C-alpha atoms as a PDB file:
ATOM      1  CA  UNK A   1     -46.868  77.100 -65.794  1.00  0.00           C
ATOM      2  CA  UNK A   2     -44.832  79.850 -64.123  1.00  0.00           C
ATOM      3  CA  UNK A   3     -43.618  82.041 -66.955  1.00  0.00           C
ATOM      4  CA  UNK A   4     -45.192  85.088 -65.273  1.00  0.00           C
ATOM      5  CA  UNK A   5     -44.504  84.125 -61.659  1.00  0.00           C
ATOM      6  CA  UNK A   6     -44.033  87.205 -59.490  1.00  0.00           C
ATOM      7  CA  UNK A   7     -45.180  89.534 -62.269  1.00  0.00           C
ATOM      8  CA  UNK A   8     -48.040  92.038 -62.276  1.00  0.00           C
ATOM      9  CA  UNK A   9     -49.984  92.706 -65.482  1.00  0.00           C
ATOM     10  CA  UNK A  10     -52.382  95.555 -66.240  1.00  0.00           C
ATOM     11  CA  UNK A  11     -54.848  94.785 -69.045  1.00  0.00           C
ATOM     12  CA  UNK A  12     -57.275  97.233 -70.642  1.00  0.00           C
ATOM     13  CA  UNK A  13     -60.521  96.067 -72.220  1.00  0.00           C
ATOM     14  CA  UNK A  14     -60.587  93.310 -69.634  1.00  0.00           C
ATOM     15  CA  UNK A  15     -64.327  92.776 -69.206  1.00  0.00           C
ATOM     16  CA  UNK A  16     -64.557  90.045 -71.836  1.00  0.00           C
ATOM     17  CA  UNK A  17     -63.212  88.765 -75.137  1.00  0.00           C
ATOM     18  CA  UNK A  18     -59.500  89.068 -75.766  1.00  0.00           C
ATOM     19  CA  UNK A  19     -58.936  91.048 -72.573  1.00  0.00           C
ATOM     20  CA  UNK A  20     -60.421  88.293 -70.446  1.00  0.00           C
ATOM     21  CA  UNK A  21     -58.424  85.646 -72.309  1.00  0.00           C
ATOM     22  CA  UNK A  22     -55.206  87.586 -71.684  1.00  0.00           C
ATOM     23  CA  UNK A  23     -56.007  88.000 -67.995  1.00  0.00           C
ATOM     24  CA  UNK A  24     -56.748  84.312 -67.516  1.00  0.00           C
ATOM     25  CA  UNK A  25     -53.709  83.152 -69.501  1.00  0.00           C
ATOM     26  CA  UNK A  26     -51.249  85.428 -67.697  1.00  0.00           C
ATOM     27  CA  UNK A  27     -52.767  84.499 -64.338  1.00  0.00           C
ATOM     28  CA  UNK A  28     -52.458  80.805 -65.176  1.00  0.00           C
ATOM     29  CA  UNK A  29     -48.751  81.445 -65.678  1.00  0.00           C
ATOM     30  CA  UNK A  30     -48.404  83.095 -62.269  1.00  0.00           C
ATOM     31  CA  UNK A  31     -49.178  86.798 -62.768  1.00  0.00           C
ATOM     32  CA  UNK A  32     -51.258  88.977 -60.507  1.00  0.00           C
ATOM     33  CA  UNK A  33     -53.715  90.953 -62.626  1.00  0.00           C
ATOM     34  CA  UNK A  34     -55.349  94.373 -62.819  1.00  0.00           C
ATOM     35  CA  UNK A  35     -58.061  94.834 -65.442  1.00  0.00           C
ATOM     36  CA  UNK A  36     -59.795  97.931 -66.709  1.00  0.00           C
ATOM     37  CA  UNK A  37     -62.796  98.518 -68.914  1.00  0.00           C
ATOM     38  CA  UNK A  38     -64.901 101.564 -69.744  1.00  0.00           C
ATOM     39  CA  UNK A  39     -68.052  99.536 -68.968  1.00  0.00           C
ATOM     40  CA  UNK A  40     -70.094 102.021 -70.981  1.00  0.00           C
ATOM     41  CA  UNK A  41     -71.949 101.988 -74.286  1.00  0.00           C
ATOM     42  CA  UNK A  42     -70.323 104.444 -76.701  1.00  0.00           C
ATOM     43  CA  UNK A  43     -72.529 106.202 -79.285  1.00  0.00           C
ATOM     44  CA  UNK A  44     -72.952 104.478 -82.657  1.00  0.00           C
ATOM     45  CA  UNK A  45     -71.147 101.277 -81.611  1.00  0.00           C
ATOM     46  CA  UNK A  46     -73.381  98.602 -83.225  1.00  0.00           C
ATOM     47  CA  UNK A  47     -72.923  95.896 -80.589  1.00  0.00           C
ATOM     48  CA  UNK A  48     -73.184  95.801 -76.779  1.00  0.00           C
ATOM     49  CA  UNK A  49     -69.952  96.839 -75.099  1.00  0.00           C
ATOM     50  CA  UNK A  50     -68.455  95.362 -71.931  1.00  0.00           C
ATOM     51  CA  UNK A  51     -70.298  95.742 -68.638  1.00  0.00           C
ATOM     52  CA  UNK A  52     -69.514  95.930 -64.943  1.00  0.00           C
ATOM     53  CA  UNK A  53     -70.956  92.438 -64.511  1.00  0.00           C
ATOM     54  CA  UNK A  54     -68.634  91.078 -67.204  1.00  0.00           C
ATOM     55  CA  UNK A  55     -65.694  92.804 -65.541  1.00  0.00           C
ATOM     56  CA  UNK A  56     -66.606  90.979 -62.334  1.00  0.00           C
ATOM     57  CA  UNK A  57     -66.747  87.693 -64.254  1.00  0.00           C
ATOM     58  CA  UNK A  58     -63.157  88.208 -65.393  1.00  0.00           C
ATOM     59  CA  UNK A  59     -62.112  88.898 -61.809  1.00  0.00           C
ATOM     60  CA  UNK A  60     -63.774  85.654 -60.731  1.00  0.00           C
ATOM     61  CA  UNK A  61     -62.041  83.691 -63.502  1.00  0.00           C
ATOM     62  CA  UNK A  62     -58.634  84.994 -62.420  1.00  0.00           C
ATOM     63  CA  UNK A  63     -59.293  84.461 -58.727  1.00  0.00           C
ATOM     64  CA  UNK A  64     -60.364  80.885 -59.457  1.00  0.00           C
ATOM     65  CA  UNK A  65     -56.746  80.324 -60.482  1.00  0.00           C
ATOM     66  CA  UNK A  66     -55.548  81.517 -57.086  1.00  0.00           C
ATOM     67  CA  UNK A  67     -54.350  84.925 -58.305  1.00  0.00           C
ATOM     68  CA  UNK A  68     -55.310  88.381 -57.201  1.00  0.00           C
ATOM     69  CA  UNK A  69     -57.247  90.527 -59.643  1.00  0.00           C
ATOM     70  CA  UNK A  70     -58.022  94.208 -59.261  1.00  0.00           C
ATOM     71  CA  UNK A  71     -60.702  95.768 -61.449  1.00  0.00           C
ATOM     72  CA  UNK A  72     -61.232  99.366 -62.474  1.00  0.00           C
ATOM     73  CA  UNK A  73     -64.078 101.015 -64.366  1.00  0.00           C
ATOM     74  CA  UNK A  74     -61.886 103.402 -66.316  1.00  0.00           C
ATOM     75  CA  UNK A  75     -62.036 104.951 -69.771  1.00  0.00           C
ATOM     76  CA  UNK A  76     -58.683 104.845 -71.563  1.00  0.00           C
ATOM     77  CA  UNK A  77     -59.493 108.151 -73.246  1.00  0.00           C
ATOM     78  CA  UNK A  78     -59.152 109.821 -69.830  1.00  0.00           C
ATOM     79  CA  UNK A  79     -55.468 110.262 -68.908  1.00  0.00           C
ATOM     80  CA  UNK A  80     -56.253 111.002 -65.254  1.00  0.00           C
ATOM     81  CA  UNK A  81     -58.236 107.774 -64.995  1.00  0.00           C
ATOM     82  CA  UNK A  82     -55.386 105.746 -66.460  1.00  0.00           C
ATOM     83  CA  UNK A  83     -52.841 107.370 -64.161  1.00  0.00           C
ATOM     84  CA  UNK A  84     -55.066 106.429 -61.232  1.00  0.00           C
ATOM     85  CA  UNK A  85     -55.295 102.817 -62.465  1.00  0.00           C
ATOM     86  CA  UNK A  86     -51.515 102.507 -62.569  1.00  0.00           C
ATOM     87  CA  UNK A  87     -50.983 104.195 -59.206  1.00  0.00           C
ATOM     88  CA  UNK A  88     -53.669 102.126 -57.494  1.00  0.00           C
ATOM     89  CA  UNK A  89     -52.274  98.916 -58.987  1.00  0.00           C
ATOM     90  CA  UNK A  90     -48.817  99.685 -57.618  1.00  0.00           C
ATOM     91  CA  UNK A  91     -50.309 100.580 -54.236  1.00  0.00           C
ATOM     92  CA  UNK A  92     -52.178  97.257 -54.057  1.00  0.00           C
ATOM     93  CA  UNK A  93     -49.888  94.837 -55.891  1.00  0.00           C
ATOM     94  CA  UNK A  94     -46.495  96.474 -55.381  1.00  0.00           C
ATOM     95  CA  UNK A  95     -45.314  97.044 -58.942  1.00  0.00           C
ATOM     96  CA  UNK A  96     -46.202  96.686 -62.634  1.00  0.00           C
ATOM     97  CA  UNK A  97     -44.236  94.495 -65.025  1.00  0.00           C
ATOM     98  CA  UNK A  98     -46.354  94.286 -68.152  1.00  0.00           C
ATOM     99  CA  UNK A  99     -49.149  96.358 -69.650  1.00  0.00           C
ATOM    100  CA  UNK A 100     -51.451  94.858 -72.272  1.00  0.00           C
ATOM    101  CA  UNK A 101     -53.331  97.663 -74.008  1.00  0.00           C
ATOM    102  CA  UNK A 102     -56.150  95.727 -75.563  1.00  0.00           C
ATOM    103  CA  UNK A 103     -59.253  97.929 -75.641  1.00  0.00           C
ATOM    104  CA  UNK A 104     -60.853  99.027 -78.894  1.00  0.00           C
ATOM    105  CA  UNK A 105     -64.077  99.593 -80.817  1.00  0.00           C
ATOM    106  CA  UNK A 106     -65.243  99.356 -84.402  1.00  0.00           C
ATOM    107  CA  UNK A 107     -68.029 101.251 -86.182  1.00  0.00           C
ATOM    108  CA  UNK A 108     -68.654 100.992 -89.941  1.00  0.00           C
ATOM    109  CA  UNK A 109     -68.356 104.179 -91.993  1.00  0.00           C
ATOM    110  CA  UNK A 110     -67.226 105.193 -95.467  1.00  0.00           C
ATOM    111  CA  UNK A 111     -65.312 108.036 -97.059  1.00  0.00           C
ATOM    112  CA  UNK A 112     -68.490 108.862 -99.019  1.00  0.00           C
ATOM    113  CA  UNK A 113     -70.690 108.889 -95.933  1.00  0.00           C
ATOM    114  CA  UNK A 114     -72.404 111.970 -94.492  1.00  0.00           C
ATOM    115  CA  UNK A 115     -70.367 114.617 -92.702  1.00  0.00           C
ATOM    116  CA  UNK A 116     -71.926 113.464 -89.432  1.00  0.00           C
ATOM    117  CA  UNK A 117     -69.728 110.366 -89.682  1.00  0.00           C
ATOM    118  CA  UNK A 118     -66.748 112.553 -88.797  1.00  0.00           C
ATOM    119  CA  UNK A 119     -67.854 112.016 -85.199  1.00  0.00           C
ATOM    120  CA  UNK A 120     -67.351 108.271 -85.720  1.00  0.00           C
ATOM    121  CA  UNK A 121     -63.820 108.919 -86.971  1.00  0.00           C
ATOM    122  CA  UNK A 122     -63.065 111.066 -83.925  1.00  0.00           C
ATOM    123  CA  UNK A 123     -64.450 108.504 -81.465  1.00  0.00           C
ATOM    124  CA  UNK A 124     -62.526 105.584 -82.950  1.00  0.00           C
ATOM    125  CA  UNK A 125     -59.236 107.471 -83.188  1.00  0.00           C
ATOM    126  CA  UNK A 126     -59.655 108.808 -79.653  1.00  0.00           C
ATOM    127  CA  UNK A 127     -60.347 105.312 -78.313  1.00  0.00           C
ATOM    128  CA  UNK A 128     -58.190 103.012 -80.429  1.00  0.00           C
ATOM    129  CA  UNK A 129     -55.163 105.254 -80.926  1.00  0.00           C
ATOM    130  CA  UNK A 130     -55.098 108.144 -78.469  1.00  0.00           C
ATOM    131  CA  UNK A 131     -56.457 105.958 -75.658  1.00  0.00           C
ATOM    132  CA  UNK A 132     -53.588 103.532 -76.190  1.00  0.00           C
ATOM    133  CA  UNK A 133     -51.089 106.397 -76.098  1.00  0.00           C
ATOM    134  CA  UNK A 134     -52.567 107.761 -72.888  1.00  0.00           C
ATOM    135  CA  UNK A 135     -52.458 104.326 -71.286  1.00  0.00           C
ATOM    136  CA  UNK A 136     -48.825 103.849 -72.274  1.00  0.00           C
ATOM    137  CA  UNK A 137     -47.892 107.284 -70.944  1.00  0.00           C
ATOM    138  CA  UNK A 138     -49.572 106.466 -67.641  1.00  0.00           C
ATOM    139  CA  UNK A 139     -47.737 103.147 -67.393  1.00  0.00           C
ATOM    140  CA  UNK A 140     -44.188 104.148 -68.285  1.00  0.00           C
ATOM    141  CA  UNK A 141     -43.302 105.880 -64.979  1.00  0.00           C
ATOM    142  CA  UNK A 142     -44.100 102.615 -63.179  1.00  0.00           C
ATOM    143  CA  UNK A 143     -42.010 100.490 -65.558  1.00  0.00           C
ATOM    144  CA  UNK A 144     -38.848 102.596 -65.678  1.00  0.00           C
ATOM    145  CA  UNK A 145     -37.094 101.346 -62.551  1.00  0.00           C
ATOM    146  CA  UNK A 146     -37.297  97.615 -63.245  1.00  0.00           C
ATOM    147  CA  UNK A 147     -38.075  97.394 -66.953  1.00  0.00           C
ATOM    148  CA  UNK A 148     -41.005  95.492 -68.372  1.00  0.00           C
ATOM    149  CA  UNK A 149     -43.151  95.270 -71.465  1.00  0.00           C
ATOM    150  CA  UNK A 150     -46.002  96.979 -73.256  1.00  0.00           C
ATOM    151  CA  UNK A 151     -48.080  94.889 -75.651  1.00  0.00           C
ATOM    152  CA  UNK A 152     -50.694  96.561 -77.829  1.00  0.00           C
ATOM    153  CA  UNK A 153     -53.565  94.906 -79.691  1.00  0.00           C
ATOM    154  CA  UNK A 154     -53.333  96.111 -83.280  1.00  0.00           C
ATOM    155  CA  UNK A 155     -54.965  94.098 -86.091  1.00  0.00           C
ATOM    156  CA  UNK A 156     -54.286  92.218 -89.284  1.00  0.00           C
ATOM    157  CA  UNK A 157     -56.048  95.222 -90.834  1.00  0.00           C
ATOM    158  CA  UNK A 158     -52.955  97.206 -89.822  1.00  0.00           C
ATOM    159  CA  UNK A 159     -50.976  95.071 -92.254  1.00  0.00           C
ATOM    160  CA  UNK A 160     -53.409  95.485 -95.150  1.00  0.00           C
ATOM    161  CA  UNK A 161     -56.662  97.467 -95.202  1.00  0.00           C
ATOM    162  CA  UNK A 162     -60.354  96.937 -94.596  1.00  0.00           C
ATOM    163  CA  UNK A 163     -63.373  98.319 -96.412  1.00  0.00           C
ATOM    164  CA  UNK A 164     -65.794 100.603 -94.508  1.00  0.00           C
ATOM    165  CA  UNK A 165     -63.352 100.873 -91.580  1.00  0.00           C
ATOM    166  CA  UNK A 166     -61.054 103.810 -92.371  1.00  0.00           C
ATOM    167  CA  UNK A 167     -60.753 105.066 -88.796  1.00  0.00           C
ATOM    168  CA  UNK A 168     -60.247 101.585 -87.341  1.00  0.00           C
ATOM    169  CA  UNK A 169     -57.583 100.721 -89.906  1.00  0.00           C
ATOM    170  CA  UNK A 170     -55.870 104.097 -89.528  1.00  0.00           C
ATOM    171  CA  UNK A 171     -55.749 103.703 -85.754  1.00  0.00           C
ATOM    172  CA  UNK A 172     -54.360 100.176 -85.983  1.00  0.00           C
ATOM    173  CA  UNK A 173     -51.691 101.216 -88.496  1.00  0.00           C
ATOM    174  CA  UNK A 174     -50.872 104.042 -86.100  1.00  0.00           C
ATOM    175  CA  UNK A 175     -50.405 101.586 -83.252  1.00  0.00           C
ATOM    176  CA  UNK A 176     -47.646  99.801 -85.137  1.00  0.00           C
ATOM    177  CA  UNK A 177     -45.817 103.086 -85.581  1.00  0.00           C
ATOM    178  CA  UNK A 178     -46.424 103.845 -81.923  1.00  0.00           C
ATOM    179  CA  UNK A 179     -44.936 100.610 -80.603  1.00  0.00           C
ATOM    180  CA  UNK A 180     -41.881 100.945 -82.819  1.00  0.00           C
ATOM    181  CA  UNK A 181     -41.335 104.442 -81.460  1.00  0.00           C
ATOM    182  CA  UNK A 182     -41.938 103.346 -77.867  1.00  0.00           C
ATOM    183  CA  UNK A 183     -39.471 100.505 -78.394  1.00  0.00           C
ATOM    184  CA  UNK A 184     -36.845 102.997 -79.536  1.00  0.00           C
ATOM    185  CA  UNK A 185     -37.500 105.559 -76.816  1.00  0.00           C
ATOM    186  CA  UNK A 186     -37.762 103.135 -73.890  1.00  0.00           C
ATOM    187  CA  UNK A 187     -35.116 100.528 -74.691  1.00  0.00           C
ATOM    188  CA  UNK A 188     -32.571 102.065 -72.307  1.00  0.00           C
ATOM    189  CA  UNK A 189     -34.998 101.324 -69.462  1.00  0.00           C
ATOM    190  CA  UNK A 190     -35.320  97.699 -70.663  1.00  0.00           C
ATOM    191  CA  UNK A 191     -38.941  98.408 -71.494  1.00  0.00           C
ATOM    192  CA  UNK A 192     -40.020  96.457 -74.564  1.00  0.00           C
ATOM    193  CA  UNK A 193     -42.965  97.447 -76.769  1.00  0.00           C
ATOM    194  CA  UNK A 194     -44.699  95.196 -79.284  1.00  0.00           C
ATOM    195  CA  UNK A 195     -48.020  94.703 -81.056  1.00  0.00           C
ATOM    196  CA  UNK A 196     -50.115  91.647 -81.820  1.00  0.00           C
ATOM    197  CA  UNK A 197     -52.097  91.718 -85.050  1.00  0.00           C
ATOM    198  CA  UNK A 198     -55.029  89.285 -84.915  1.00  0.00           C
ATOM    199  CA  UNK A 199     -57.525  88.606 -87.665  1.00  0.00           C
ATOM    200  CA  UNK A 200     -61.210  88.252 -86.803  1.00  0.00           C
ATOM    201  CA  UNK A 201     -61.545  86.888 -83.276  1.00  0.00           C
ATOM    202  CA  UNK A 202     -64.518  85.068 -81.768  1.00  0.00           C
ATOM    203  CA  UNK A 203     -65.581  87.911 -79.482  1.00  0.00           C
ATOM    204  CA  UNK A 204     -68.665  90.168 -79.369  1.00  0.00           C
ATOM    205  CA  UNK A 205     -66.793  92.837 -81.339  1.00  0.00           C
ATOM    206  CA  UNK A 206     -66.868  90.528 -84.366  1.00  0.00           C
ATOM    207  CA  UNK A 207     -69.587  87.929 -83.756  1.00  0.00           C
ATOM    208  CA  UNK A 208     -72.604  90.210 -83.862  1.00  0.00           C
ATOM    209  CA  UNK A 209     -75.553  90.983 -86.175  1.00  0.00           C
ATOM    210  CA  UNK A 210     -73.689  93.839 -87.874  1.00  0.00           C
ATOM    211  CA  UNK A 211     -71.063  91.478 -89.205  1.00  0.00           C
ATOM    212  CA  UNK A 212     -73.688  88.917 -90.193  1.00  0.00           C
ATOM    213  CA  UNK A 213     -75.180  91.614 -92.448  1.00  0.00           C
ATOM    214  CA  UNK A 214     -71.735  92.562 -93.770  1.00  0.00           C
ATOM    215  CA  UNK A 215     -70.997  88.989 -94.801  1.00  0.00           C
ATOM    216  CA  UNK A 216     -74.454  87.692 -95.721  1.00  0.00           C
ATOM    217  CA  UNK A 217     -76.482  90.726 -96.769  1.00  0.00           C
ATOM    218  CA  UNK A 218     -79.671  92.079 -95.224  1.00  0.00           C
ATOM    219  CA  UNK A 219     -81.515  88.757 -95.035  1.00  0.00           C
ATOM    220  CA  UNK A 220     -82.849  88.725 -91.438  1.00  0.00           C
ATOM    221  CA  UNK A 221     -82.812  84.928 -91.370  1.00  0.00           C
ATOM    222  CA  UNK A 222     -79.018  84.784 -91.610  1.00  0.00           C
ATOM    223  CA  UNK A 223     -77.053  83.975 -88.461  1.00  0.00           C
ATOM    224  CA  UNK A 224     -73.445  83.866 -87.322  1.00  0.00           C
ATOM    225  CA  UNK A 225     -73.282  80.304 -88.601  1.00  0.00           C
ATOM    226  CA  UNK A 226     -74.142  81.550 -92.094  1.00  0.00           C
ATOM    227  CA  UNK A 227     -71.154  83.882 -92.205  1.00  0.00           C
ATOM    228  CA  UNK A 228     -68.621  81.151 -91.405  1.00  0.00           C
ATOM    229  CA  UNK A 229     -68.028  80.172 -95.027  1.00  0.00           C
ATOM    230  CA  UNK A 230     -67.584  83.683 -96.468  1.00  0.00           C
ATOM    231  CA  UNK A 231     -65.459  84.662 -93.471  1.00  0.00           C
ATOM    232  CA  UNK A 232     -63.240  81.659 -94.111  1.00  0.00           C
ATOM    233  CA  UNK A 233     -62.557  83.021 -97.598  1.00  0.00           C
ATOM    234  CA  UNK A 234     -60.545  85.826 -95.991  1.00  0.00           C
ATOM    235  CA  UNK A 235     -57.976  83.485 -94.446  1.00  0.00           C
ATOM    236  CA  UNK A 236     -55.353  81.124 -95.800  1.00  0.00           C
ATOM    237  CA  UNK A 237     -55.920  78.638 -93.008  1.00  0.00           C
ATOM    238  CA  UNK A 238     -59.442  77.207 -93.332  1.00  0.00           C
ATOM    239  CA  UNK A 239     -61.040  78.943 -90.359  1.00  0.00           C
ATOM    240  CA  UNK A 240     -63.519  81.840 -90.289  1.00  0.00           C
ATOM    241  CA  UNK A 241     -62.075  83.381 -87.119  1.00  0.00           C
ATOM    242  CA  UNK A 242     -59.738  82.493 -84.300  1.00  0.00           C
ATOM    243  CA  UNK A 243     -60.370  82.029 -80.604  1.00  0.00           C
ATOM    244  CA  UNK A 244     -59.190  84.763 -78.189  1.00  0.00           C
ATOM    245  CA  UNK A 245     -57.023  82.208 -76.399  1.00  0.00           C
ATOM    246  CA  UNK A 246     -54.862  81.983 -79.538  1.00  0.00           C
ATOM    247  CA  UNK A 247     -54.105  85.690 -79.274  1.00  0.00           C
ATOM    248  CA  UNK A 248     -53.494  85.299 -75.537  1.00  0.00           C
ATOM    249  CA  UNK A 249     -50.731  82.797 -76.298  1.00  0.00           C
ATOM    250  CA  UNK A 250     -48.954  85.444 -78.366  1.00  0.00           C
ATOM    251  CA  UNK A 251     -49.483  88.060 -75.656  1.00  0.00           C
ATOM    252  CA  UNK A 252     -48.034  85.674 -73.070  1.00  0.00           C
ATOM    253  CA  UNK A 253     -44.954  85.111 -75.217  1.00  0.00           C
ATOM    254  CA  UNK A 254     -44.361  88.837 -75.692  1.00  0.00           C
ATOM    255  CA  UNK A 255     -44.801  89.512 -71.965  1.00  0.00           C
ATOM    256  CA  UNK A 256     -42.550  86.665 -70.852  1.00  0.00           C
ATOM    257  CA  UNK A 257     -38.793  86.294 -70.485  1.00  0.00           C
ATOM    258  CA  UNK A 258     -38.866  84.147 -73.618  1.00  0.00           C
ATOM    259  CA  UNK A 259     -39.234  87.408 -75.563  1.00  0.00           C
ATOM    260  CA  UNK A 260     -36.697  89.402 -73.543  1.00  0.00           C
ATOM    261  CA  UNK A 261     -34.897  90.489 -76.723  1.00  0.00           C
ATOM    262  CA  UNK A 262     -38.056  91.025 -78.776  1.00  0.00           C
ATOM    263  CA  UNK A 263     -39.120  94.640 -79.150  1.00  0.00           C
ATOM    264  CA  UNK A 264     -40.669  96.846 -81.804  1.00  0.00           C
ATOM    265  CA  UNK A 265     -42.421  94.053 -83.705  1.00  0.00           C
ATOM    266  CA  UNK A 266     -45.949  93.599 -85.042  1.00  0.00           C
ATOM    267  CA  UNK A 267     -46.738  89.899 -84.647  1.00  0.00           C
ATOM    268  CA  UNK A 268     -49.505  88.555 -86.929  1.00  0.00           C
ATOM    269  CA  UNK A 269     -51.854  86.020 -85.345  1.00  0.00           C
ATOM    270  CA  UNK A 270     -54.151  85.995 -88.325  1.00  0.00           C
ATOM    271  CA  UNK A 271     -54.547  82.608 -90.043  1.00  0.00           C
ATOM    272  CA  UNK A 272     -52.653  84.085 -92.986  1.00  0.00           C
ATOM    273  CA  UNK A 273     -55.176  86.784 -93.813  1.00  0.00           C
ATOM    274  CA  UNK A 274     -52.549  89.534 -94.072  1.00  0.00           C
ATOM    275  CA  UNK A 275     -50.843  87.814 -97.008  1.00  0.00           C
ATOM    276  CA  UNK A 276     -54.026  87.156 -98.989  1.00  0.00           C
ATOM    277  CA  UNK A 277     -54.079  88.479-102.564  1.00  0.00           C
ATOM    278  CA  UNK A 278     -55.326  92.082-102.745  1.00  0.00           C
ATOM    279  CA  UNK A 279     -59.031  92.599-103.226  1.00  0.00           C
ATOM    280  CA  UNK A 280     -60.274  89.800-100.981  1.00  0.00           C
ATOM    281  CA  UNK A 281     -63.066  91.294 -98.888  1.00  0.00           C
ATOM    282  CA  UNK A 282     -66.229  90.080 -97.196  1.00  0.00           C
ATOM    283  CA  UNK A 283     -68.098  91.295-100.280  1.00  0.00           C
ATOM    284  CA  UNK A 284     -66.141  88.731-102.292  1.00  0.00           C
ATOM    285  CA  UNK A 285     -66.860  86.184 -99.591  1.00  0.00           C
ATOM    286  CA  UNK A 286     -70.562  86.982 -99.770  1.00  0.00           C
ATOM    287  CA  UNK A 287     -70.636  86.470-103.519  1.00  0.00           C
ATOM    288  CA  UNK A 288     -68.755  83.196-103.098  1.00  0.00           C
ATOM    289  CA  UNK A 289     -71.219  82.178-100.424  1.00  0.00           C
ATOM    290  CA  UNK A 290     -74.144  82.887-102.745  1.00  0.00           C
ATOM    291  CA  UNK A 291     -72.466  80.893-105.508  1.00  0.00           C
ATOM    292  CA  UNK A 292     -71.833  78.026-103.119  1.00  0.00           C
ATOM    293  CA  UNK A 293     -75.566  77.850-102.408  1.00  0.00           C
ATOM    294  CA  UNK A 294     -76.120  77.209-106.115  1.00  0.00           C
ATOM    295  CA  UNK A 295     -73.201  74.765-106.441  1.00  0.00           C
ATOM    296  CA  UNK A 296     -72.821  73.147-103.005  1.00  0.00           C
ATOM    297  CA  UNK A 297     -69.626  71.297-103.945  1.00  0.00           C
ATOM    298  CA  UNK A 298     -67.778  74.634-103.961  1.00  0.00           C
ATOM    299  CA  UNK A 299     -68.107  74.782-100.206  1.00  0.00           C
ATOM    300  CA  UNK A 300     -66.786  71.274 -99.625  1.00  0.00           C
END
């Protein structure tokens, strides 16, 4: 349990969900932690975003393991804020060894939607793509002397596509190109750059009423439990979504010495969803779910 002993990790999107899981897992392996989160509700995001109280809960979870944990209310879209996070982390913890750029949002929109939805495109790209770039740029000066790693949360959608999510998918595809370029540019410093590509994860970004409607229609009686079966239809392994701790295991590997020669990869942690036949979507899952209600044995 000491694969990160003596290391310092900075994690964005650390208030909850995957970010919290990464913080706890790296701390359990010996790392000191710094977490950031915008702790603000962005316009049009159809689920509650992380809060200051949740950020404090992550700090408490890390400290319960006997590790230090700094926290910063910082928006990754703001390069000055991210530079301050890195500088303050070095001032308090001495150095930075790994940066896990995990933050992100999702808002449904379509290519046939109203022109006003261009603002949704801009917000998602600025957060999920440009915000990652700005975080990486802020981190690199603190990694150059001793090497280290950058791990970015992409998505299984970056290996395929996803209906009603053009900006999200475009940003996640862009992240894979970004980490491959960072890997090439920074290799001579022994800085590695990789991406993890999870499928649906059991966090508030996915387990919310918006996705219940996407999978089960507009029936107000439907719940998260009702979308389990259609969501399972997206994956090869028979699960509707994965736990954030499963992604944290991949992040730990990529940050550790076990991956010292691993750079420039996009690692799927996706229950096989990225190799599904084309055309499988939640709409298909919804129709299958409706059929299963008529013929219950189909869901067995």
